[in-house]
Amino acid sequence: MEKLLVSACLLSVACRYDGSTLDEKACTERIKRLSTHYHLVPVCPEQLGGLPTPRAKMSFCSLHSDKTGSGGAQVVDINGIDRTSALEAGARECVKLAVALGIEKALLKERSPSCGVRQVYLGESLVEAEGFTARALRRAGLEVISDEEEEFLPGN
């Protein structure tokens, strides 16, 4: 069975910035659906990058400006602390894990500064851009799917 890298919060792991979980019923249904087609591999890039749970809410203060590397993207938390290096480290760990396990697809939580596939917060504004982990996984050759478009996965 194919492996699927999944944002751990989508599987009801209490790893969100505020320590909460997503809707338990929706997560249980997602697990049932996906686990009939995939071996699920949960990851939380923020935790892999060394950030605690709970942690201060974060957003981009500058976005990726090029097609390679971080391109000057920067993320700060609500206390003004730069968290960019932690997000870069978490993204690298996710790529290492995906490569080591031969994973070709990832299902990630939209709007996260790590996992956002199509949208992230730039300050208080929602903008079209990708988070550090989504970008790194895509650049490593994985198919990266937003939780808001998971209907494209088998079983949906």
Protein backbone atom coordinates (compact mmCIF):
# COMPACT_ATOMS: atom_id res chain seq x y z
CA MET A 1 0.00 0.00 0.00
CA GLU A 2 1.24 3.49 -0.88
CA LYS A 3 2.32 5.79 1.98
CA LEU A 4 0.75 9.22 2.47
CA LEU A 5 2.44 11.94 4.51
CA VAL A 6 -0.31 13.77 6.44
CA SER A 7 -0.37 16.88 8.63
CA ALA A 8 -0.82 15.28 12.05
CA CYS A 9 -3.51 17.80 13.02
CA LEU A 10 -5.68 16.37 10.23
CA LEU A 11 -5.58 13.04 12.06
CA SER A 12 -6.78 14.50 15.38
CA VAL A 13 -3.32 14.87 16.94
CA ALA A 14 -3.35 17.80 19.39
CA CYS A 15 -0.42 19.59 17.74
CA ARG A 16 -2.08 22.78 16.49
CA TYR A 17 -0.56 26.08 17.64
CA ASP A 18 -3.08 26.35 20.49
CA GLY A 19 -2.78 22.68 21.48
CA SER A 20 -6.27 21.86 20.23
CA THR A 21 -7.46 19.22 17.81
CA LEU A 22 -9.59 19.55 14.73
CA ASP A 23 -13.12 18.14 14.62
CA GLU A 24 -12.79 14.62 16.06
CA LYS A 25 -15.60 13.15 13.95
CA ALA A 26 -14.22 14.60 10.70
CA CYS A 27 -10.72 13.34 11.56
CA THR A 28 -12.03 9.84 12.34
CA GLU A 29 -13.86 9.73 9.03
CA ARG A 30 -10.76 10.95 7.19
CA ILE A 31 -8.63 8.26 8.85
CA LYS A 32 -11.14 5.54 7.93
CA ARG A 33 -11.34 6.71 4.30
CA LEU A 34 -7.65 7.23 3.71
CA SER A 35 -6.34 4.22 5.61
CA THR A 36 -8.11 1.86 3.21
CA HIS A 37 -5.87 3.23 0.43
CA TYR A 38 -2.71 4.44 2.22
CA HIS A 39 -0.37 3.81 5.11
CA LEU A 40 -0.74 7.17 6.88
CA VAL A 41 2.45 8.85 8.11
CA PRO A 42 1.57 11.79 10.40
CA VAL A 43 3.95 14.74 10.74
CA CYS A 44 3.86 18.10 12.47
CA PRO A 45 6.57 20.24 10.85
CA GLU A 46 6.45 22.83 13.63
CA GLN A 47 7.18 20.17 16.25
CA LEU A 48 9.85 18.57 14.03
CA GLY A 49 11.44 22.03 13.79
CA GLY A 50 11.65 22.26 17.58
CA LEU A 51 8.64 24.42 18.41
CA PRO A 52 6.51 23.49 21.42
CA THR A 53 2.78 22.82 21.54
CA PRO A 54 1.05 25.05 22.37
CA ARG A 55 2.97 27.87 20.73
CA ALA A 56 2.28 31.46 19.77
CA LYS A 57 0.32 31.93 16.55
CA MET A 58 2.54 32.67 13.55
CA SER A 59 2.23 34.33 10.16
CA PHE A 60 4.48 35.36 7.30
CA CYS A 61 5.89 38.88 7.37
CA SER A 62 7.58 38.35 3.99
CA LEU A 63 6.94 35.71 1.34
CA HIS A 64 9.11 33.53 -0.89
CA SER A 65 10.56 35.76 -3.56
CA ASP A 66 12.13 33.18 -5.85
CA LYS A 67 11.68 29.63 -7.12
CA THR A 68 14.60 28.15 -5.15
CA GLY A 69 15.45 28.11 -1.47
CA SER A 70 13.48 30.10 1.06
CA GLY A 71 13.77 33.20 -1.12
CA GLY A 72 13.68 35.59 1.82
CA ALA A 73 10.44 34.29 3.33
CA GLN A 74 10.12 35.08 7.02
CA VAL A 75 7.62 34.00 9.68
CA VAL A 76 7.18 35.66 13.05
CA ASP A 77 4.92 34.80 15.93
CA ILE A 78 2.47 37.22 17.58
CA ASN A 79 5.24 38.20 20.02
CA GLY A 80 7.44 39.32 17.13
CA ILE A 81 9.86 36.37 17.48
CA ASP A 82 11.30 35.14 14.19
CA ARG A 83 10.35 31.47 13.73
CA THR A 84 11.70 31.08 10.20
CA SER A 85 14.60 28.79 11.10
CA ALA A 86 12.29 26.42 13.01
CA LEU A 87 9.93 26.21 10.02
CA GLU A 88 12.84 25.61 7.65
CA ALA A 89 14.16 22.86 9.94
CA GLY A 90 10.74 21.20 10.17
CA ALA A 91 10.38 21.30 6.39
CA ARG A 92 13.81 19.66 5.96
CA GLU A 93 12.85 16.90 8.41
CA CYS A 94 9.60 16.23 6.54
CA VAL A 95 11.49 15.95 3.25
CA LYS A 96 14.05 13.58 4.83
CA LEU A 97 11.25 11.40 6.17
CA ALA A 98 9.38 11.37 2.87
CA VAL A 99 12.52 10.43 0.93
CA ALA A 100 13.56 7.74 3.44
CA LEU A 101 10.11 6.13 3.32
CA GLY A 102 9.60 6.52 -0.43
CA ILE A 103 6.54 8.73 0.01
CA GLU A 104 5.23 10.40 -3.13
CA LYS A 105 2.13 12.24 -1.83
CA ALA A 106 1.37 14.58 1.05
CA LEU A 107 -1.95 15.82 2.44
CA LEU A 108 -1.38 19.09 4.27
CA LYS A 109 -3.39 21.59 6.35
CA GLU A 110 -4.22 24.69 4.34
CA ARG A 111 -3.30 28.16 5.62
CA SER A 112 -0.57 26.94 7.99
CA PRO A 113 2.79 28.77 7.68
CA SER A 114 4.34 25.30 7.33
CA CYS A 115 1.71 23.27 5.52
CA GLY A 116 -0.33 25.79 3.54
CA VAL A 117 -0.53 24.43 -0.01
CA ARG A 118 -2.23 27.37 -1.71
CA GLN A 119 -2.90 29.95 1.03
CA VAL A 120 -1.05 31.33 4.04
CA TYR A 121 -1.39 34.37 6.25
CA LEU A 122 0.74 37.40 5.50
CA GLY A 123 0.15 39.31 8.71
CA GLU A 124 -3.64 39.25 9.08
CA SER A 125 -4.34 38.83 5.36
CA LEU A 126 -4.92 35.51 3.64
CA VAL A 127 -2.78 35.39 0.47
CA GLU A 128 -2.03 32.94 -2.34
CA ALA A 129 1.31 31.36 -1.38
CA GLU A 130 2.68 28.15 0.06
CA GLY A 131 4.12 27.30 3.46
CA PHE A 132 7.67 26.11 4.07
CA THR A 133 6.89 22.38 4.22
CA ALA A 134 4.47 22.40 1.30
CA ARG A 135 7.09 24.18 -0.79
CA ALA A 136 9.94 21.88 0.28
CA LEU A 137 7.93 18.70 -0.35
CA ARG A 138 6.77 19.92 -3.76
CA ARG A 139 10.33 20.85 -4.70
CA ALA A 140 11.42 17.34 -3.59
CA GLY A 141 8.98 15.90 -6.14
CA LEU A 142 6.00 15.00 -3.97
CA GLU A 143 2.44 15.60 -5.04
CA VAL A 144 1.16 18.03 -2.40
CA ILE A 145 -2.59 18.15 -1.76
CA SER A 146 -4.51 20.59 0.42
CA ASP A 147 -6.95 19.22 3.00
CA GLU A 148 -9.50 21.42 1.25
CA GLU A 149 -9.09 19.45 -1.97
CA GLU A 150 -8.60 15.95 -0.60
CA GLU A 151 -11.44 14.75 -2.84
CA PHE A 152 -8.65 14.12 -5.37
CA LEU A 153 -7.34 11.26 -3.20
CA PRO A 154 -8.73 7.72 -3.59
CA GLY A 155 -11.61 6.95 -1.26
CA ASN A 156 -13.14 10.42 -1.41
